[in-house]
C-alpha atoms as a PDB file:
ATOM      1  CA  MET A   1     143.935 114.304  26.101  1.00  0.00           C
ATOM      2  CA  THR A   2     144.063 110.873  24.503  1.00  0.00           C
ATOM      3  CA  TYR A   3     146.854 109.719  22.189  1.00  0.00           C
ATOM      4  CA  LEU A   4     147.086 106.797  19.777  1.00  0.00           C
ATOM      5  CA  TRP A   5     150.282 105.522  18.200  1.00  0.00           C
ATOM      6  CA  GLN A   6     151.386 102.497  16.225  1.00  0.00           C
ATOM      7  CA  GLU A   7     154.199 100.611  17.957  1.00  0.00           C
ATOM      8  CA  GLU A   8     155.926  99.855  14.655  1.00  0.00           C
ATOM      9  CA  ARG A   9     154.980 101.163  11.223  1.00  0.00           C
ATOM     10  CA  GLY A  10     153.120  98.526   9.220  1.00  0.00           C
ATOM     11  CA  GLN A  11     152.344  96.355  12.255  1.00  0.00           C
ATOM     12  CA  LYS A  12     148.941  95.885  13.907  1.00  0.00           C
ATOM     13  CA  PHE A  13     150.040  96.778  17.444  1.00  0.00           C
ATOM     14  CA  TYR A  14     148.952 100.111  18.927  1.00  0.00           C
ATOM     15  CA  ARG A  15     149.086 101.968  22.234  1.00  0.00           C
ATOM     16  CA  VAL A  16     146.513 104.363  23.618  1.00  0.00           C
ATOM     17  CA  GLN A  17     147.458 106.841  26.346  1.00  0.00           C
ATOM     18  CA  THR A  18     144.915 108.971  28.157  1.00  0.00           C
ATOM     19  CA  ASP A  19     144.694 111.250  31.161  1.00  0.00           C
ATOM     20  CA  GLU A  20     140.882 111.255  31.070  1.00  0.00           C
ATOM     21  CA  LYS A  21     139.265 108.938  33.612  1.00  0.00           C
ATOM     22  CA  GLU A  22     136.054 108.581  31.572  1.00  0.00           C
ATOM     23  CA  VAL A  23     137.998 107.406  28.504  1.00  0.00           C
ATOM     24  CA  ALA A  24     140.089 105.003  30.604  1.00  0.00           C
ATOM     25  CA  GLU A  25     136.947 103.462  32.109  1.00  0.00           C
ATOM     26  CA  LYS A  26     135.444 102.966  28.642  1.00  0.00           C
ATOM     27  CA  LEU A  27     138.634 101.324  27.375  1.00  0.00           C
ATOM     28  CA  LYS A  28     138.778  98.996  30.398  1.00  0.00           C
ATOM     29  CA  ARG A  29     135.295  97.722  29.500  1.00  0.00           C
ATOM     30  CA  ARG A  30     135.997  97.238  25.776  1.00  0.00           C
ATOM     31  CA  ASN A  31     137.248  93.958  24.350  1.00  0.00           C
ATOM     32  CA  GLY A  32     140.696  94.170  22.798  1.00  0.00           C
ATOM     33  CA  PHE A  33     142.134  96.854  25.088  1.00  0.00           C
ATOM     34  CA  LYS A  34     144.553  95.701  27.785  1.00  0.00           C
ATOM     35  CA  LEU A  35     145.784  98.059  30.499  1.00  0.00           C
ATOM     36  CA  SER A  36     149.569  97.987  30.178  1.00  0.00           C
ATOM     37  CA  GLY A  37     150.631 100.962  32.282  1.00  0.00           C
ATOM     38  CA  TRP A  38     149.341 103.613  34.666  1.00  0.00           C
ATOM     39  CA  SER A  39     150.593 106.483  36.773  1.00  0.00           C
ATOM     40  CA  ILE A  40     151.674 105.872  40.337  1.00  0.00           C
ATOM     41  CA  ASN A  41     152.575 109.451  41.231  1.00  0.00           C
ATOM     42  CA  GLY A  42     149.087 110.862  41.704  1.00  0.00           C
ATOM     43  CA  HIS A  43     148.510 112.117  38.154  1.00  0.00           C
ATOM     44  CA  SER A  44     145.824 110.445  36.093  1.00  0.00           C
ATOM     45  CA  LEU A  45     147.451 108.454  33.294  1.00  0.00           C
ATOM     46  CA  TRP A  46     146.551 105.122  31.697  1.00  0.00           C
ATOM     47  CA  ILE A  47     148.223 103.287  28.798  1.00  0.00           C
ATOM     48  CA  PHE A  48     146.455 100.509  26.914  1.00  0.00           C
ATOM     49  CA  ALA A  49     147.769  97.983  24.389  1.00  0.00           C
ATOM     50  CA  CYS A  50     145.500  96.984  21.505  1.00  0.00           C
ATOM     51  CA  THR A  51     145.575  95.591  17.977  1.00  0.00           C
ATOM     52  CA  PHE A  52     143.910  96.847  14.804  1.00  0.00           C
ATOM     53  CA  THR A  53     144.320  95.584  11.260  1.00  0.00           C
ATOM     54  CA  ARG A  54     144.424  99.105   9.799  1.00  0.00           C
ATOM     55  CA  PRO A  55     145.190 102.608  11.126  1.00  0.00           C
ATOM     56  CA  ASP A  56     141.859 104.006   9.929  1.00  0.00           C
ATOM     57  CA  ILE A  57     139.995 101.445  12.049  1.00  0.00           C
ATOM     58  CA  ALA A  58     142.074 102.416  15.106  1.00  0.00           C
ATOM     59  CA  LYS A  59     141.236 106.098  14.577  1.00  0.00           C
ATOM     60  CA  LYS A  60     137.538 105.332  14.085  1.00  0.00           C
ATOM     61  CA  VAL A  61     137.325 103.319  17.317  1.00  0.00           C
ATOM     62  CA  LEU A  62     139.124 105.989  19.365  1.00  0.00           C
ATOM     63  CA  LYS A  63     136.962 108.725  17.856  1.00  0.00           C
ATOM     64  CA  SER A  64     133.921 106.740  18.988  1.00  0.00           C
ATOM     65  CA  VAL A  65     135.305 106.243  22.513  1.00  0.00           C
ATOM     66  CA  THR A  66     136.452 109.846  23.028  1.00  0.00           C
ATOM     67  CA  GLY A  67     133.752 111.646  21.066  1.00  0.00           C
ATOM     68  CA  GLN A  68     136.483 113.955  19.745  1.00  0.00           C
ATOM     69  CA  LYS A  69     137.991 114.726  16.347  1.00  0.00           C
ATOM     70  CA  SER A  70     141.525 113.430  15.748  1.00  0.00           C
ATOM     71  CA  ASN A  71     144.598 115.606  15.217  1.00  0.00           C
ATOM     72  CA  ILE A  72     147.806 114.242  13.662  1.00  0.00           C
ATOM     73  CA  ASP A  73     151.218 115.799  14.389  1.00  0.00           C
ATOM     74  CA  SER A  74     154.294 115.802  12.130  1.00  0.00           C
ATOM     75  CA  GLU A  75     155.609 112.556  13.674  1.00  0.00           C
ATOM     76  CA  GLY A  76     152.351 110.661  13.118  1.00  0.00           C
ATOM     77  CA  LEU A  77     151.110 110.796  16.718  1.00  0.00           C
ATOM     78  CA  ILE A  78     147.317 110.958  16.721  1.00  0.00           C
ATOM     79  CA  SER A  79     145.601 112.884  19.499  1.00  0.00           C
ATOM     80  CA  PHE A  80     141.930 113.162  20.405  1.00  0.00           C
ATOM     81  CA  GLY A  81     140.686 116.120  22.396  1.00  0.00           C
ATOM     82  CA  ARG A  82     141.517 119.738  22.735  1.00  0.00           C
ATOM     83  CA  SER A  83     144.157 121.181  20.458  1.00  0.00           C
ATOM     84  CA  ILE A  84     147.161 122.605  22.290  1.00  0.00           C
ATOM     85  CA  SER A  85     149.193 125.404  20.745  1.00  0.00           C
ATOM     86  CA  LEU A  86     152.763 125.909  21.922  1.00  0.00           C
ATOM     87  CA  ASN A  87     152.972 129.501  20.602  1.00  0.00           C
END
């Protein structure tokens, strides 16, 4: 699953978190994405910092990278990938 969130509402700074190696490799090769964190306990997890002028551009780029439709939760967290139901 890949997540996108804005660091502060109205600002151009975003974070992308993924547990998918293929997505992480694509982001490492793209301009504008900087690896800012990763898992050291054996689980696959990468966090990237990036900037976008508008939220719709951020969603469009991540949709292109993941090949998945976006889902938005009640707190504004945008996820790309399979939908998980907690029921």
